[in-house]
PDB file of N, CA and C in Angstrom:
ATOM      1  N   UNK A   1     -96.971-141.368-138.392  1.00  0.00           N
ATOM      2  CA  UNK A   1     -95.996-140.393-138.808  1.00  0.00           C
ATOM      3  C   UNK A   1     -94.874-141.115-139.554  1.00  0.00           C
ATOM      4  N   UNK A   2     -94.399-140.467-140.591  1.00  0.00           N
ATOM      5  CA  UNK A   2     -93.298-141.022-141.380  1.00  0.00           C
ATOM      6  C   UNK A   2     -91.976-140.397-140.938  1.00  0.00           C
ATOM      7  N   UNK A   3     -90.852-141.029-141.303  1.00  0.00           N
ATOM      8  CA  UNK A   3     -89.562-140.410-141.000  1.00  0.00           C
ATOM      9  C   UNK A   3     -89.442-138.995-141.587  1.00  0.00           C
ATOM     10  N   UNK A   4     -89.955-138.800-142.797  1.00  0.00           N
ATOM     11  CA  UNK A   4     -89.886-137.470-143.418  1.00  0.00           C
ATOM     12  C   UNK A   4     -90.693-136.454-142.620  1.00  0.00           C
ATOM     13  N   UNK A   5     -91.852-136.853-142.141  1.00  0.00           N
ATOM     14  CA  UNK A   5     -92.677-135.946-141.334  1.00  0.00           C
ATOM     15  C   UNK A   5     -91.988-135.624-140.012  1.00  0.00           C
ATOM     16  N   UNK A   6     -91.368-136.631-139.397  1.00  0.00           N
ATOM     17  CA  UNK A   6     -90.653-136.410-138.146  1.00  0.00           C
ATOM     18  C   UNK A   6     -89.497-135.429-138.370  1.00  0.00           C
ATOM     19  N   UNK A   7     -88.762-135.626-139.442  1.00  0.00           N
ATOM     20  CA  UNK A   7     -87.624-134.756-139.749  1.00  0.00           C
ATOM     21  C   UNK A   7     -88.078-133.333-140.050  1.00  0.00           C
ATOM     22  N   UNK A   8     -89.224-133.188-140.689  1.00  0.00           N
ATOM     23  CA  UNK A   8     -89.704-131.869-141.108  1.00  0.00           C
ATOM     24  C   UNK A   8     -90.416-131.101-139.998  1.00  0.00           C
ATOM     25  N   UNK A   9     -90.853-131.779-138.950  1.00  0.00           N
ATOM     26  CA  UNK A   9     -91.594-131.114-137.876  1.00  0.00           C
ATOM     27  C   UNK A   9     -90.713-130.058-137.207  1.00  0.00           C
ATOM     28  N   UNK A  10     -91.197-128.828-137.173  1.00  0.00           N
ATOM     29  CA  UNK A  10     -90.402-127.739-136.605  1.00  0.00           C
ATOM     30  C   UNK A  10     -90.543-127.649-135.087  1.00  0.00           C
ATOM     31  N   UNK A  11     -91.578-128.262-134.547  1.00  0.00           N
ATOM     32  CA  UNK A  11     -91.727-128.371-133.095  1.00  0.00           C
ATOM     33  C   UNK A  11     -91.923-129.844-132.770  1.00  0.00           C
ATOM     34  N   UNK A  12     -91.580-130.202-131.553  1.00  0.00           N
ATOM     35  CA  UNK A  12     -91.678-131.593-131.128  1.00  0.00           C
ATOM     36  C   UNK A  12     -93.131-132.048-131.189  1.00  0.00           C
ATOM     37  N   UNK A  13     -93.441-133.039-132.038  1.00  0.00           N
ATOM     38  CA  UNK A  13     -94.810-133.541-132.106  1.00  0.00           C
ATOM     39  C   UNK A  13     -95.218-134.211-130.792  1.00  0.00           C
ATOM     40  N   UNK A  14     -96.472-134.112-130.461  1.00  0.00           N
ATOM     41  CA  UNK A  14     -96.954-134.761-129.240  1.00  0.00           C
ATOM     42  C   UNK A  14     -97.181-136.243-129.492  1.00  0.00           C
ATOM     43  N   UNK A  15     -97.140-137.007-128.424  1.00  0.00           N
ATOM     44  CA  UNK A  15     -97.458-138.424-128.488  1.00  0.00           C
ATOM     45  C   UNK A  15     -96.371-139.321-129.043  1.00  0.00           C
ATOM     46  N   UNK A  16     -95.157-138.820-129.154  1.00  0.00           N
ATOM     47  CA  UNK A  16     -94.066-139.648-129.665  1.00  0.00           C
ATOM     48  C   UNK A  16     -93.577-140.622-128.600  1.00  0.00           C
ATOM     49  N   UNK A  17     -93.080-141.752-129.058  1.00  0.00           N
ATOM     50  CA  UNK A  17     -92.385-142.671-128.163  1.00  0.00           C
ATOM     51  C   UNK A  17     -91.068-142.010-127.763  1.00  0.00           C
ATOM     52  N   UNK A  18     -90.441-142.465-126.681  1.00  0.00           N
ATOM     53  CA  UNK A  18     -89.120-141.914-126.335  1.00  0.00           C
ATOM     54  C   UNK A  18     -88.112-142.081-127.476  1.00  0.00           C
ATOM     55  N   UNK A  19     -88.179-143.183-128.189  1.00  0.00           N
ATOM     56  CA  UNK A  19     -87.258-143.420-129.298  1.00  0.00           C
ATOM     57  C   UNK A  19     -87.426-142.355-130.386  1.00  0.00           C
ATOM     58  N   UNK A  20     -88.668-142.105-130.775  1.00  0.00           N
ATOM     59  CA  UNK A  20     -88.935-141.098-131.810  1.00  0.00           C
ATOM     60  C   UNK A  20     -88.596-139.695-131.311  1.00  0.00           C
ATOM     61  N   UNK A  21     -88.870-139.439-130.035  1.00  0.00           N
ATOM     62  CA  UNK A  21     -88.531-138.137-129.467  1.00  0.00           C
ATOM     63  C   UNK A  21     -87.014-137.915-129.501  1.00  0.00           C
ATOM     64  N   UNK A  22     -86.242-138.931-129.152  1.00  0.00           N
ATOM     65  CA  UNK A  22     -84.776-138.813-129.202  1.00  0.00           C
ATOM     66  C   UNK A  22     -84.317-138.526-130.626  1.00  0.00           C
ATOM     67  N   UNK A  23     -84.905-139.209-131.597  1.00  0.00           N
ATOM     68  CA  UNK A  23     -84.521-138.970-132.990  1.00  0.00           C
ATOM     69  C   UNK A  23     -84.894-137.562-133.440  1.00  0.00           C
ATOM     70  N   UNK A  24     -86.068-137.087-133.021  1.00  0.00           N
ATOM     71  CA  UNK A  24     -86.461-135.723-133.382  1.00  0.00           C
ATOM     72  C   UNK A  24     -85.429-134.736-132.845  1.00  0.00           C
ATOM     73  N   UNK A  25     -85.058-134.877-131.576  1.00  0.00           N
ATOM     74  CA  UNK A  25     -84.063-133.974-130.988  1.00  0.00           C
ATOM     75  C   UNK A  25     -82.728-134.080-131.727  1.00  0.00           C
ATOM     76  N   UNK A  26     -82.322-135.295-132.071  1.00  0.00           N
ATOM     77  CA  UNK A  26     -81.058-135.486-132.788  1.00  0.00           C
ATOM     78  C   UNK A  26     -81.096-134.765-134.133  1.00  0.00           C
ATOM     79  N   UNK A  27     -82.204-134.872-134.823  1.00  0.00           N
ATOM     80  CA  UNK A  27     -82.332-134.266-136.152  1.00  0.00           C
ATOM     81  C   UNK A  27     -82.369-132.739-136.075  1.00  0.00           C
ATOM     82  N   UNK A  28     -82.828-132.224-134.944  1.00  0.00           N
ATOM     83  CA  UNK A  28     -83.011-130.782-134.810  1.00  0.00           C
ATOM     84  C   UNK A  28     -81.936-130.111-133.950  1.00  0.00           C
ATOM     85  N   UNK A  29     -80.795-130.780-133.813  1.00  0.00           N
ATOM     86  CA  UNK A  29     -79.645-130.156-133.188  1.00  0.00           C
ATOM     87  C   UNK A  29     -79.642-130.115-131.671  1.00  0.00           C
ATOM     88  N   UNK A  30     -80.517-130.877-131.050  1.00  0.00           N
ATOM     89  CA  UNK A  30     -80.567-130.917-129.584  1.00  0.00           C
ATOM     90  C   UNK A  30     -79.922-132.214-129.098  1.00  0.00           C
ATOM     91  N   UNK A  31     -78.607-132.312-129.328  1.00  0.00           N
ATOM     92  CA  UNK A  31     -77.894-133.550-129.028  1.00  0.00           C
ATOM     93  C   UNK A  31     -78.056-133.950-127.569  1.00  0.00           C
ATOM     94  N   UNK A  32     -77.892-133.005-126.659  1.00  0.00           N
ATOM     95  CA  UNK A  32     -77.946-133.346-125.240  1.00  0.00           C
ATOM     96  C   UNK A  32     -79.327-133.878-124.841  1.00  0.00           C
ATOM     97  N   UNK A  33     -80.387-133.255-125.344  1.00  0.00           N
ATOM     98  CA  UNK A  33     -81.740-133.756-125.046  1.00  0.00           C
ATOM     99  C   UNK A  33     -81.913-135.164-125.597  1.00  0.00           C
ATOM    100  N   UNK A  34     -81.453-135.374-126.832  1.00  0.00           N
ATOM    101  CA  UNK A  34     -81.554-136.696-127.443  1.00  0.00           C
ATOM    102  C   UNK A  34     -80.781-137.724-126.631  1.00  0.00           C
ATOM    103  N   UNK A  35     -79.589-137.357-126.197  1.00  0.00           N
ATOM    104  CA  UNK A  35     -78.744-138.263-125.432  1.00  0.00           C
ATOM    105  C   UNK A  35     -79.377-138.600-124.092  1.00  0.00           C
ATOM    106  N   UNK A  36     -79.938-137.607-123.418  1.00  0.00           N
ATOM    107  CA  UNK A  36     -80.598-137.851-122.129  1.00  0.00           C
ATOM    108  C   UNK A  36     -81.745-138.846-122.275  1.00  0.00           C
ATOM    109  N   UNK A  37     -82.482-138.733-123.357  1.00  0.00           N
ATOM    110  CA  UNK A  37     -83.598-139.658-123.592  1.00  0.00           C
ATOM    111  C   UNK A  37     -83.056-141.051-123.921  1.00  0.00           C
ATOM    112  N   UNK A  38     -82.095-141.119-124.833  1.00  0.00           N
ATOM    113  CA  UNK A  38     -81.555-142.415-125.267  1.00  0.00           C
ATOM    114  C   UNK A  38     -80.938-143.198-124.110  1.00  0.00           C
ATOM    115  N   UNK A  39     -80.299-142.497-123.192  1.00  0.00           N
ATOM    116  CA  UNK A  39     -79.681-143.169-122.042  1.00  0.00           C
ATOM    117  C   UNK A  39     -80.700-143.942-121.211  1.00  0.00           C
ATOM    118  N   UNK A  40     -81.947-143.507-121.265  1.00  0.00           N
ATOM    119  CA  UNK A  40     -82.992-144.131-120.451  1.00  0.00           C
ATOM    120  C   UNK A  40     -83.826-145.157-121.214  1.00  0.00           C
ATOM    121  N   UNK A  41     -83.394-145.533-122.413  1.00  0.00           N
ATOM    122  CA  UNK A  41     -84.100-146.556-123.194  1.00  0.00           C
ATOM    123  C   UNK A  41     -83.262-147.834-123.102  1.00  0.00           C
ATOM    124  N   UNK A  42     -83.649-148.770-122.221  1.00  0.00           N
ATOM    125  CA  UNK A  42     -82.802-149.936-121.927  1.00  0.00           C
ATOM    126  C   UNK A  42     -82.990-151.108-122.889  1.00  0.00           C
ATOM    127  N   UNK A  43     -83.077-150.798-124.189  1.00  0.00           N
ATOM    128  CA  UNK A  43     -83.291-151.842-125.193  1.00  0.00           C
ATOM    129  C   UNK A  43     -82.200-151.746-126.254  1.00  0.00           C
ATOM    130  N   UNK A  44     -82.156-152.743-127.133  1.00  0.00           N
ATOM    131  CA  UNK A  44     -81.211-152.689-128.247  1.00  0.00           C
ATOM    132  C   UNK A  44     -81.505-151.491-129.147  1.00  0.00           C
ATOM    133  N   UNK A  45     -82.777-151.147-129.288  1.00  0.00           N
ATOM    134  CA  UNK A  45     -83.126-149.975-130.086  1.00  0.00           C
ATOM    135  C   UNK A  45     -82.579-148.699-129.434  1.00  0.00           C
ATOM    136  N   UNK A  46     -82.688-148.610-128.129  1.00  0.00           N
ATOM    137  CA  UNK A  46     -82.106-147.474-127.414  1.00  0.00           C
ATOM    138  C   UNK A  46     -80.598-147.410-127.591  1.00  0.00           C
ATOM    139  N   UNK A  47     -79.957-148.559-127.584  1.00  0.00           N
ATOM    140  CA  UNK A  47     -78.505-148.607-127.807  1.00  0.00           C
ATOM    141  C   UNK A  47     -78.153-148.157-129.224  1.00  0.00           C
ATOM    142  N   UNK A  48     -78.984-148.504-130.176  1.00  0.00           N
ATOM    143  CA  UNK A  48     -78.755-148.116-131.570  1.00  0.00           C
ATOM    144  C   UNK A  48     -78.858-146.592-131.714  1.00  0.00           C
ATOM    145  N   UNK A  49     -79.863-146.013-131.074  1.00  0.00           N
ATOM    146  CA  UNK A  49     -80.005-144.558-131.084  1.00  0.00           C
ATOM    147  C   UNK A  49     -78.803-143.922-130.384  1.00  0.00           C
ATOM    148  N   UNK A  50     -78.404-144.502-129.275  1.00  0.00           N
ATOM    149  CA  UNK A  50     -77.253-144.006-128.518  1.00  0.00           C
ATOM    150  C   UNK A  50     -76.006-144.040-129.407  1.00  0.00           C
ATOM    151  N   UNK A  51     -75.842-145.095-130.181  1.00  0.00           N
ATOM    152  CA  UNK A  51     -74.711-145.190-131.111  1.00  0.00           C
ATOM    153  C   UNK A  51     -74.746-144.053-132.120  1.00  0.00           C
ATOM    154  N   UNK A  52     -75.915-143.818-132.715  1.00  0.00           N
ATOM    155  CA  UNK A  52     -76.073-142.719-133.668  1.00  0.00           C
ATOM    156  C   UNK A  52     -75.632-141.404-133.043  1.00  0.00           C
ATOM    157  N   UNK A  53     -76.047-141.162-131.830  1.00  0.00           N
ATOM    158  CA  UNK A  53     -75.720-139.902-131.170  1.00  0.00           C
ATOM    159  C   UNK A  53     -74.216-139.732-130.977  1.00  0.00           C
ATOM    160  N   UNK A  54     -73.521-140.814-130.660  1.00  0.00           N
ATOM    161  CA  UNK A  54     -72.074-140.699-130.492  1.00  0.00           C
ATOM    162  C   UNK A  54     -71.357-140.569-131.828  1.00  0.00           C
ATOM    163  N   UNK A  55     -71.951-141.090-132.896  1.00  0.00           N
ATOM    164  CA  UNK A  55     -71.399-140.824-134.230  1.00  0.00           C
ATOM    165  C   UNK A  55     -71.545-139.333-134.531  1.00  0.00           C
ATOM    166  N   UNK A  56     -72.723-138.787-134.260  1.00  0.00           N
ATOM    167  CA  UNK A  56     -72.952-137.352-134.478  1.00  0.00           C
ATOM    168  C   UNK A  56     -71.957-136.529-133.672  1.00  0.00           C
ATOM    169  N   UNK A  57     -71.717-136.950-132.445  1.00  0.00           N
ATOM    170  CA  UNK A  57     -70.804-136.236-131.553  1.00  0.00           C
ATOM    171  C   UNK A  57     -69.353-136.316-132.038  1.00  0.00           C
ATOM    172  N   UNK A  58     -69.047-137.346-132.815  1.00  0.00           N
ATOM    173  CA  UNK A  58     -67.678-137.543-133.275  1.00  0.00           C
ATOM    174  C   UNK A  58     -66.864-138.451-132.370  1.00  0.00           C
ATOM    175  N   UNK A  59     -67.547-139.177-131.502  1.00  0.00           N
ATOM    176  CA  UNK A  59     -66.889-140.094-130.564  1.00  0.00           C
ATOM    177  C   UNK A  59     -67.089-141.526-131.068  1.00  0.00           C
ATOM    178  N   UNK A  60     -66.313-141.895-132.076  1.00  0.00           N
ATOM    179  CA  UNK A  60     -66.520-143.185-132.736  1.00  0.00           C
ATOM    180  C   UNK A  60     -66.277-144.366-131.799  1.00  0.00           C
ATOM    181  N   UNK A  61     -65.297-144.245-130.907  1.00  0.00           N
ATOM    182  CA  UNK A  61     -65.035-145.346-129.971  1.00  0.00           C
ATOM    183  C   UNK A  61     -66.274-145.634-129.136  1.00  0.00           C
ATOM    184  N   UNK A  62     -66.902-144.603-128.609  1.00  0.00           N
ATOM    185  CA  UNK A  62     -68.103-144.762-127.808  1.00  0.00           C
ATOM    186  C   UNK A  62     -69.255-145.270-128.674  1.00  0.00           C
ATOM    187  N   UNK A  63     -69.367-144.748-129.887  1.00  0.00           N
ATOM    188  CA  UNK A  63     -70.397-145.212-130.816  1.00  0.00           C
ATOM    189  C   UNK A  63     -70.252-146.708-131.075  1.00  0.00           C
ATOM    190  N   UNK A  64     -69.025-147.173-131.275  1.00  0.00           N
ATOM    191  CA  UNK A  64     -68.799-148.596-131.541  1.00  0.00           C
ATOM    192  C   UNK A  64     -69.267-149.459-130.371  1.00  0.00           C
ATOM    193  N   UNK A  65     -69.056-148.986-129.160  1.00  0.00           N
ATOM    194  CA  UNK A  65     -69.548-149.703-127.978  1.00  0.00           C
ATOM    195  C   UNK A  65     -71.064-149.869-128.051  1.00  0.00           C
ATOM    196  N   UNK A  66     -71.775-148.782-128.386  1.00  0.00           N
ATOM    197  CA  UNK A  66     -73.238-148.828-128.429  1.00  0.00           C
ATOM    198  C   UNK A  66     -73.748-149.626-129.634  1.00  0.00           C
ATOM    199  N   UNK A  67     -73.038-149.569-130.761  1.00  0.00           N
ATOM    200  CA  UNK A  67     -73.414-150.420-131.889  1.00  0.00           C
ATOM    201  C   UNK A  67     -73.331-151.892-131.472  1.00  0.00           C
ATOM    202  N   UNK A  68     -72.270-152.256-130.763  1.00  0.00           N
ATOM    203  CA  UNK A  68     -72.121-153.641-130.305  1.00  0.00           C
ATOM    204  C   UNK A  68     -73.265-154.029-129.371  1.00  0.00           C
ATOM    205  N   UNK A  69     -73.623-153.145-128.442  1.00  0.00           N
ATOM    206  CA  UNK A  69     -74.737-153.430-127.523  1.00  0.00           C
ATOM    207  C   UNK A  69     -76.058-153.579-128.278  1.00  0.00           C
ATOM    208  N   UNK A  70     -76.182-152.846-129.386  1.00  0.00           N
ATOM    209  CA  UNK A  70     -77.400-152.912-130.194  1.00  0.00           C
ATOM    210  C   UNK A  70     -77.410-154.122-131.126  1.00  0.00           C
ATOM    211  N   UNK A  71     -76.249-154.779-131.274  1.00  0.00           N
ATOM    212  CA  UNK A  71     -76.154-155.888-132.216  1.00  0.00           C
ATOM    213  C   UNK A  71     -76.157-155.420-133.660  1.00  0.00           C
ATOM    214  N   UNK A  72     -75.637-154.220-133.887  1.00  0.00           N
ATOM    215  CA  UNK A  72     -75.615-153.622-135.226  1.00  0.00           C
ATOM    216  C   UNK A  72     -74.180-153.365-135.654  1.00  0.00           C
ATOM    217  N   UNK A  73     -73.924-153.374-136.964  1.00  0.00           N
ATOM    218  CA  UNK A  73     -72.570-153.061-137.437  1.00  0.00           C
ATOM    219  C   UNK A  73     -72.250-151.590-137.204  1.00  0.00           C
ATOM    220  N   UNK A  74     -70.997-151.317-136.954  1.00  0.00           N
ATOM    221  CA  UNK A  74     -70.559-149.944-136.739  1.00  0.00           C
ATOM    222  C   UNK A  74     -70.733-149.126-138.016  1.00  0.00           C
ATOM    223  N   UNK A  75     -71.112-147.882-137.824  1.00  0.00           N
ATOM    224  CA  UNK A  75     -71.233-146.931-138.939  1.00  0.00           C
ATOM    225  C   UNK A  75     -70.491-145.669-138.541  1.00  0.00           C
ATOM    226  N   UNK A  76     -70.088-144.895-139.520  1.00  0.00           N
ATOM    227  CA  UNK A  76     -69.312-143.690-139.256  1.00  0.00           C
ATOM    228  C   UNK A  76     -70.048-142.416-139.626  1.00  0.00           C
ATOM    229  N   UNK A  77     -69.342-141.314-139.537  1.00  0.00           N
ATOM    230  CA  UNK A  77     -69.949-140.002-139.716  1.00  0.00           C
ATOM    231  C   UNK A  77     -70.547-139.796-141.107  1.00  0.00           C
ATOM    232  N   UNK A  78     -69.995-140.436-142.109  1.00  0.00           N
ATOM    233  CA  UNK A  78     -70.552-140.284-143.456  1.00  0.00           C
ATOM    234  C   UNK A  78     -71.934-140.933-143.576  1.00  0.00           C
ATOM    235  N   UNK A  79     -72.278-141.774-142.607  1.00  0.00           N
ATOM    236  CA  UNK A  79     -73.546-142.502-142.642  1.00  0.00           C
ATOM    237  C   UNK A  79     -74.631-141.905-141.747  1.00  0.00           C
ATOM    238  N   UNK A  80     -74.392-140.739-141.156  1.00  0.00           N
ATOM    239  CA  UNK A  80     -75.324-140.208-140.162  1.00  0.00           C
ATOM    240  C   UNK A  80     -76.738-140.083-140.717  1.00  0.00           C
ATOM    241  N   UNK A  81     -76.901-139.466-141.878  1.00  0.00           N
ATOM    242  CA  UNK A  81     -78.256-139.266-142.412  1.00  0.00           C
ATOM    243  C   UNK A  81     -78.934-140.587-142.738  1.00  0.00           C
ATOM    244  N   UNK A  82     -78.205-141.498-143.364  1.00  0.00           N
ATOM    245  CA  UNK A  82     -78.779-142.798-143.698  1.00  0.00           C
ATOM    246  C   UNK A  82     -79.105-143.589-142.443  1.00  0.00           C
ATOM    247  N   UNK A  83     -78.256-143.501-141.440  1.00  0.00           N
ATOM    248  CA  UNK A  83     -78.488-144.208-140.188  1.00  0.00           C
ATOM    249  C   UNK A  83     -79.706-143.638-139.472  1.00  0.00           C
ATOM    250  N   UNK A  84     -79.832-142.312-139.432  1.00  0.00           N
ATOM    251  CA  UNK A  84     -81.014-141.686-138.827  1.00  0.00           C
ATOM    252  C   UNK A  84     -82.269-142.197-139.531  1.00  0.00           C
ATOM    253  N   UNK A  85     -82.239-142.211-140.846  1.00  0.00           N
ATOM    254  CA  UNK A  85     -83.383-142.662-141.638  1.00  0.00           C
ATOM    255  C   UNK A  85     -83.713-144.134-141.356  1.00  0.00           C
ATOM    256  N   UNK A  86     -82.696-144.959-141.265  1.00  0.00           N
ATOM    257  CA  UNK A  86     -82.885-146.388-140.996  1.00  0.00           C
ATOM    258  C   UNK A  86     -83.525-146.607-139.623  1.00  0.00           C
ATOM    259  N   UNK A  87     -83.031-145.899-138.626  1.00  0.00           N
ATOM    260  CA  UNK A  87     -83.591-146.031-137.278  1.00  0.00           C
ATOM    261  C   UNK A  87     -85.009-145.486-137.251  1.00  0.00           C
ATOM    262  N   UNK A  88     -85.228-144.327-137.862  1.00  0.00           N
ATOM    263  CA  UNK A  88     -86.576-143.729-137.899  1.00  0.00           C
ATOM    264  C   UNK A  88     -87.561-144.658-138.604  1.00  0.00           C
ATOM    265  N   UNK A  89     -87.140-145.284-139.684  1.00  0.00           N
ATOM    266  CA  UNK A  89     -88.028-146.211-140.405  1.00  0.00           C
ATOM    267  C   UNK A  89     -88.396-147.402-139.525  1.00  0.00           C
ATOM    268  N   UNK A  90     -87.451-147.857-138.723  1.00  0.00           N
ATOM    269  CA  UNK A  90     -87.720-148.974-137.807  1.00  0.00           C
ATOM    270  C   UNK A  90     -88.700-148.562-136.709  1.00  0.00           C
ATOM    271  N   UNK A  91     -88.485-147.388-136.163  1.00  0.00           N
ATOM    272  CA  UNK A  91     -89.328-146.901-135.063  1.00  0.00           C
ATOM    273  C   UNK A  91     -90.740-146.576-135.517  1.00  0.00           C
ATOM    274  N   UNK A  92     -90.861-145.991-136.687  1.00  0.00           N
ATOM    275  CA  UNK A  92     -92.150-145.452-137.140  1.00  0.00           C
ATOM    276  C   UNK A  92     -92.895-146.375-138.088  1.00  0.00           C
ATOM    277  N   UNK A  93     -92.643-147.661-138.000  1.00  0.00           N
ATOM    278  CA  UNK A  93     -93.342-148.637-138.862  1.00  0.00           C
ATOM    279  C   UNK A  93     -94.831-148.527-138.677  1.00  0.00           C
TER     280      UNK A  93
END
């Protein structure tokens, strides 16, 4: 599956990793579902997704904490779409 296919899917595709599932929920307006999944991914990738979610939420201070845990530079609200795409491209290689 490509990032474009994940973004375009109108229902949650089966067989996704937790990372891809969190991104699907984030893209489709289910912030809380995405956040619940991301909280349970104990990796730098999970932290990166968690950072994205807090940017979407508008909580930049919290997002910066998760960017640091992920080892990634902080990004802001103007970067949400590009950041989603970057994370999706990493996950769906």
